[in-house]
Amino acid sequence: MVRRWFFALSALALGVVGVLSLWWPGAVWSLLFIGPLVLLGLRDTLQRKHTLLRNFPVIGHGRYFMEMVRPEIQQYFIESNIDAFPIEREMRSVVYRRAKGDLDTTPFGTQRDVYRIGAASRWASSSASATGASSCASSRRCWRPA
């Protein structure tokens, strides 16, 4: 179906350029744009390797282009710095900075939600304010390592 549309539109575009060039010779310059698209579409319909290009000449290249730029779109526009697979961008950037010999710390804190309930167990291994310190102060075992 789309191949038929391609052939019809190609014939129409070339016919319009041919008729238009009778009155305005500058119309022939539009073949610089239309000609390569028609040739690309003809090549797509005649090739046997990619069914997508055979059934959707010229516009099928859009899908292959999107497959090519998908990782960049995913990395820069969709995923955040802290949720990625297999490694989050925050950790990946630390690895890249260490490999270059640059400073591997990020100034001005973190991008993680450290105030969420239960989040502290992920990033903090000890408590900043200990509980039960008053009972420990009177005991001798608090002053010696166990």
C-alpha atoms as a PDB file:
ATOM      1  CA  MET A   1       0.000   0.000   0.000  1.00  0.00           C
ATOM      2  CA  VAL A   2       2.691   2.492   0.995  1.00  0.00           C
ATOM      3  CA  ARG A   3       4.804   1.429  -1.995  1.00  0.00           C
ATOM      4  CA  ARG A   4       1.938   2.353  -4.299  1.00  0.00           C
ATOM      5  CA  TRP A   5       1.690   5.739  -2.603  1.00  0.00           C
ATOM      6  CA  PHE A   6       5.416   6.199  -3.036  1.00  0.00           C
ATOM      7  CA  PHE A   7       5.263   5.462  -6.769  1.00  0.00           C
ATOM      8  CA  ALA A   8       2.220   7.694  -7.218  1.00  0.00           C
ATOM      9  CA  LEU A   9       3.738  10.603  -5.284  1.00  0.00           C
ATOM     10  CA  SER A  10       7.088  10.220  -7.055  1.00  0.00           C
ATOM     11  CA  ALA A  11       5.425  10.290 -10.465  1.00  0.00           C
ATOM     12  CA  LEU A  12       3.288  13.256  -9.408  1.00  0.00           C
ATOM     13  CA  ALA A  13       6.285  15.200  -8.039  1.00  0.00           C
ATOM     14  CA  LEU A  14       8.384  14.560 -11.149  1.00  0.00           C
ATOM     15  CA  GLY A  15       5.414  15.476 -13.370  1.00  0.00           C
ATOM     16  CA  VAL A  16       4.787  18.713 -11.465  1.00  0.00           C
ATOM     17  CA  VAL A  17       8.467  19.656 -11.716  1.00  0.00           C
ATOM     18  CA  GLY A  18       8.446  18.845 -15.453  1.00  0.00           C
ATOM     19  CA  VAL A  19       5.362  20.951 -16.147  1.00  0.00           C
ATOM     20  CA  LEU A  20       6.456  23.760 -13.848  1.00  0.00           C
ATOM     21  CA  SER A  21       9.866  23.924 -15.518  1.00  0.00           C
ATOM     22  CA  LEU A  22       8.179  24.786 -18.839  1.00  0.00           C
ATOM     23  CA  TRP A  23       7.079  28.147 -17.409  1.00  0.00           C
ATOM     24  CA  TRP A  24       9.743  28.644 -14.768  1.00  0.00           C
ATOM     25  CA  PRO A  25      13.159  27.126 -15.521  1.00  0.00           C
ATOM     26  CA  GLY A  26      14.227  27.493 -11.881  1.00  0.00           C
ATOM     27  CA  ALA A  27      11.881  24.631 -10.947  1.00  0.00           C
ATOM     28  CA  VAL A  28      14.465  22.168 -12.231  1.00  0.00           C
ATOM     29  CA  TRP A  29      16.546  22.970  -9.148  1.00  0.00           C
ATOM     30  CA  SER A  30      13.921  21.243  -7.015  1.00  0.00           C
ATOM     31  CA  LEU A  31      15.146  17.972  -8.547  1.00  0.00           C
ATOM     32  CA  LEU A  32      18.190  18.315  -6.276  1.00  0.00           C
ATOM     33  CA  PHE A  33      15.827  17.497  -3.411  1.00  0.00           C
ATOM     34  CA  ILE A  34      13.239  15.306  -5.127  1.00  0.00           C
ATOM     35  CA  GLY A  35      15.646  13.271  -7.284  1.00  0.00           C
ATOM     36  CA  PRO A  36      17.679  11.665  -4.465  1.00  0.00           C
ATOM     37  CA  LEU A  37      14.480  10.829  -2.558  1.00  0.00           C
ATOM     38  CA  VAL A  38      13.002   9.111  -5.619  1.00  0.00           C
ATOM     39  CA  LEU A  39      16.245   7.210  -6.222  1.00  0.00           C
ATOM     40  CA  LEU A  40      16.416   6.187  -2.560  1.00  0.00           C
ATOM     41  CA  GLY A  41      12.825   4.972  -2.709  1.00  0.00           C
ATOM     42  CA  LEU A  42      13.494   2.988  -5.881  1.00  0.00           C
ATOM     43  CA  ARG A  43      16.504   1.379  -4.268  1.00  0.00           C
ATOM     44  CA  ASP A  44      14.414   0.554  -1.188  1.00  0.00           C
ATOM     45  CA  THR A  45      11.668  -1.120  -3.207  1.00  0.00           C
ATOM     46  CA  LEU A  46      14.124  -3.174  -5.264  1.00  0.00           C
ATOM     47  CA  GLN A  47      16.299  -4.446  -2.412  1.00  0.00           C
ATOM     48  CA  ARG A  48      15.486  -7.756  -0.708  1.00  0.00           C
ATOM     49  CA  LYS A  49      17.365  -7.525   2.604  1.00  0.00           C
ATOM     50  CA  HIS A  50      15.077  -5.268   4.705  1.00  0.00           C
ATOM     51  CA  THR A  51      11.340  -5.852   4.524  1.00  0.00           C
ATOM     52  CA  LEU A  52      10.661  -2.608   6.355  1.00  0.00           C
ATOM     53  CA  LEU A  53      12.409  -0.559   3.681  1.00  0.00           C
ATOM     54  CA  ARG A  54      10.758  -2.562   0.928  1.00  0.00           C
ATOM     55  CA  ASN A  55       7.265  -1.931   2.299  1.00  0.00           C
ATOM     56  CA  PHE A  56       7.877   1.631   3.494  1.00  0.00           C
ATOM     57  CA  PRO A  57      10.344   3.218   1.060  1.00  0.00           C
ATOM     58  CA  VAL A  58      12.120   6.377   2.246  1.00  0.00           C
ATOM     59  CA  ILE A  59      10.142   6.703   5.525  1.00  0.00           C
ATOM     60  CA  GLY A  60      11.449   3.327   6.696  1.00  0.00           C
ATOM     61  CA  HIS A  61      14.844   4.992   7.129  1.00  0.00           C
ATOM     62  CA  GLY A  62      13.239   7.062   9.895  1.00  0.00           C
ATOM     63  CA  ARG A  63      12.828   3.940  12.010  1.00  0.00           C
ATOM     64  CA  TYR A  64      16.434   2.913  11.532  1.00  0.00           C
ATOM     65  CA  PHE A  65      17.512   6.441  12.413  1.00  0.00           C
ATOM     66  CA  MET A  66      15.422   6.348  15.602  1.00  0.00           C
ATOM     67  CA  GLU A  67      16.930   2.980  16.529  1.00  0.00           C
ATOM     68  CA  MET A  68      20.363   4.504  16.047  1.00  0.00           C
ATOM     69  CA  VAL A  69      19.745   7.537  18.307  1.00  0.00           C
ATOM     70  CA  ARG A  70      17.600   5.682  20.877  1.00  0.00           C
ATOM     71  CA  PRO A  71      20.394   5.214  23.448  1.00  0.00           C
ATOM     72  CA  GLU A  72      21.210   8.927  23.409  1.00  0.00           C
ATOM     73  CA  ILE A  73      17.565   9.941  23.704  1.00  0.00           C
ATOM     74  CA  GLN A  74      17.074   7.445  26.528  1.00  0.00           C
ATOM     75  CA  GLN A  75      20.201   8.594  28.347  1.00  0.00           C
ATOM     76  CA  TYR A  76      19.788  12.349  28.032  1.00  0.00           C
ATOM     77  CA  PHE A  77      16.032  12.927  27.984  1.00  0.00           C
ATOM     78  CA  ILE A  78      14.242  10.013  29.645  1.00  0.00           C
ATOM     79  CA  GLU A  79      16.287   8.373  32.388  1.00  0.00           C
ATOM     80  CA  SER A  80      17.237  10.288  35.492  1.00  0.00           C
ATOM     81  CA  ASN A  81      20.656  10.250  37.080  1.00  0.00           C
ATOM     82  CA  ILE A  82      19.756   7.704  39.728  1.00  0.00           C
ATOM     83  CA  ASP A  83      17.620   5.061  37.986  1.00  0.00           C
ATOM     84  CA  ALA A  84      19.324   3.214  35.194  1.00  0.00           C
ATOM     85  CA  PHE A  85      20.227  -0.297  34.216  1.00  0.00           C
ATOM     86  CA  PRO A  86      22.792  -1.817  34.652  1.00  0.00           C
ATOM     87  CA  ILE A  87      24.457   1.143  36.404  1.00  0.00           C
ATOM     88  CA  GLU A  88      23.022   4.529  37.190  1.00  0.00           C
ATOM     89  CA  ARG A  89      24.463   7.631  35.539  1.00  0.00           C
ATOM     90  CA  GLU A  90      25.542   9.071  38.878  1.00  0.00           C
ATOM     91  CA  MET A  91      27.874   6.113  39.511  1.00  0.00           C
ATOM     92  CA  ARG A  92      28.919   5.912  35.861  1.00  0.00           C
ATOM     93  CA  SER A  93      30.069   9.540  35.956  1.00  0.00           C
ATOM     94  CA  VAL A  94      32.171   8.787  39.061  1.00  0.00           C
ATOM     95  CA  VAL A  95      33.867   5.939  37.188  1.00  0.00           C
ATOM     96  CA  TYR A  96      34.538   8.193  34.189  1.00  0.00           C
ATOM     97  CA  ARG A  97      35.995  10.954  36.401  1.00  0.00           C
ATOM     98  CA  ARG A  98      38.244   8.479  38.257  1.00  0.00           C
ATOM     99  CA  ALA A  99      39.463   7.037  34.952  1.00  0.00           C
ATOM    100  CA  LYS A 100      40.437  10.532  33.799  1.00  0.00           C
ATOM    101  CA  GLY A 101      42.136  11.248  37.114  1.00  0.00           C
ATOM    102  CA  ASP A 102      39.689  14.066  37.927  1.00  0.00           C
ATOM    103  CA  LEU A 103      38.094  14.782  41.278  1.00  0.00           C
ATOM    104  CA  ASP A 104      35.458  12.096  41.803  1.00  0.00           C
ATOM    105  CA  THR A 105      33.250  13.889  44.322  1.00  0.00           C
ATOM    106  CA  THR A 106      30.177  15.919  43.456  1.00  0.00           C
ATOM    107  CA  PRO A 107      29.969  19.289  45.209  1.00  0.00           C
ATOM    108  CA  PHE A 108      26.806  20.629  46.817  1.00  0.00           C
ATOM    109  CA  GLY A 109      25.259  17.366  47.946  1.00  0.00           C
ATOM    110  CA  THR A 110      23.326  14.671  46.168  1.00  0.00           C
ATOM    111  CA  GLN A 111      20.420  14.299  43.776  1.00  0.00           C
ATOM    112  CA  ARG A 112      18.862  11.531  45.854  1.00  0.00           C
ATOM    113  CA  ASP A 113      15.833  12.086  48.078  1.00  0.00           C
ATOM    114  CA  VAL A 114      17.568  11.646  51.417  1.00  0.00           C
ATOM    115  CA  TYR A 115      14.511  12.768  53.418  1.00  0.00           C
ATOM    116  CA  ARG A 116      12.294   9.908  52.209  1.00  0.00           C
ATOM    117  CA  ILE A 117      11.453   7.392  54.920  1.00  0.00           C
ATOM    118  CA  GLY A 118      13.840   4.465  54.690  1.00  0.00           C
ATOM    119  CA  ALA A 119      16.206   6.264  52.342  1.00  0.00           C
ATOM    120  CA  ALA A 120      18.879   6.683  54.998  1.00  0.00           C
ATOM    121  CA  SER A 121      19.518   2.959  55.127  1.00  0.00           C
ATOM    122  CA  ARG A 122      20.698   3.154  51.527  1.00  0.00           C
ATOM    123  CA  TRP A 123      23.208   5.958  51.811  1.00  0.00           C
ATOM    124  CA  ALA A 124      24.109   6.269  55.492  1.00  0.00           C
ATOM    125  CA  SER A 125      25.673   3.433  57.420  1.00  0.00           C
ATOM    126  CA  SER A 126      25.631   5.092  60.841  1.00  0.00           C
ATOM    127  CA  SER A 127      23.373   7.518  62.628  1.00  0.00           C
ATOM    128  CA  ALA A 128      24.332  11.148  63.151  1.00  0.00           C
ATOM    129  CA  SER A 129      22.367  11.256  66.404  1.00  0.00           C
ATOM    130  CA  ALA A 130      22.645   8.072  68.437  1.00  0.00           C
ATOM    131  CA  THR A 131      19.715   6.840  70.494  1.00  0.00           C
ATOM    132  CA  GLY A 132      20.067   5.567  74.015  1.00  0.00           C
ATOM    133  CA  ALA A 133      23.279   7.497  74.695  1.00  0.00           C
ATOM    134  CA  SER A 134      22.235   8.364  78.261  1.00  0.00           C
ATOM    135  CA  SER A 135      22.088   4.705  79.267  1.00  0.00           C
ATOM    136  CA  CYS A 136      25.443   4.085  77.619  1.00  0.00           C
ATOM    137  CA  ALA A 137      27.169   6.945  79.431  1.00  0.00           C
ATOM    138  CA  SER A 138      26.766   5.244  82.808  1.00  0.00           C
ATOM    139  CA  SER A 139      27.982   1.873  81.568  1.00  0.00           C
ATOM    140  CA  ARG A 140      31.663   0.898  81.376  1.00  0.00           C
ATOM    141  CA  ARG A 141      31.207  -1.208  78.251  1.00  0.00           C
ATOM    142  CA  CYS A 142      30.495   1.890  76.133  1.00  0.00           C
ATOM    143  CA  TRP A 143      34.048   3.093  76.656  1.00  0.00           C
ATOM    144  CA  ARG A 144      35.807  -0.109  75.594  1.00  0.00           C
ATOM    145  CA  PRO A 145      35.592  -1.849  72.267  1.00  0.00           C
ATOM    146  CA  ALA A 146      33.821  -5.190  72.449  1.00  0.00           C
END
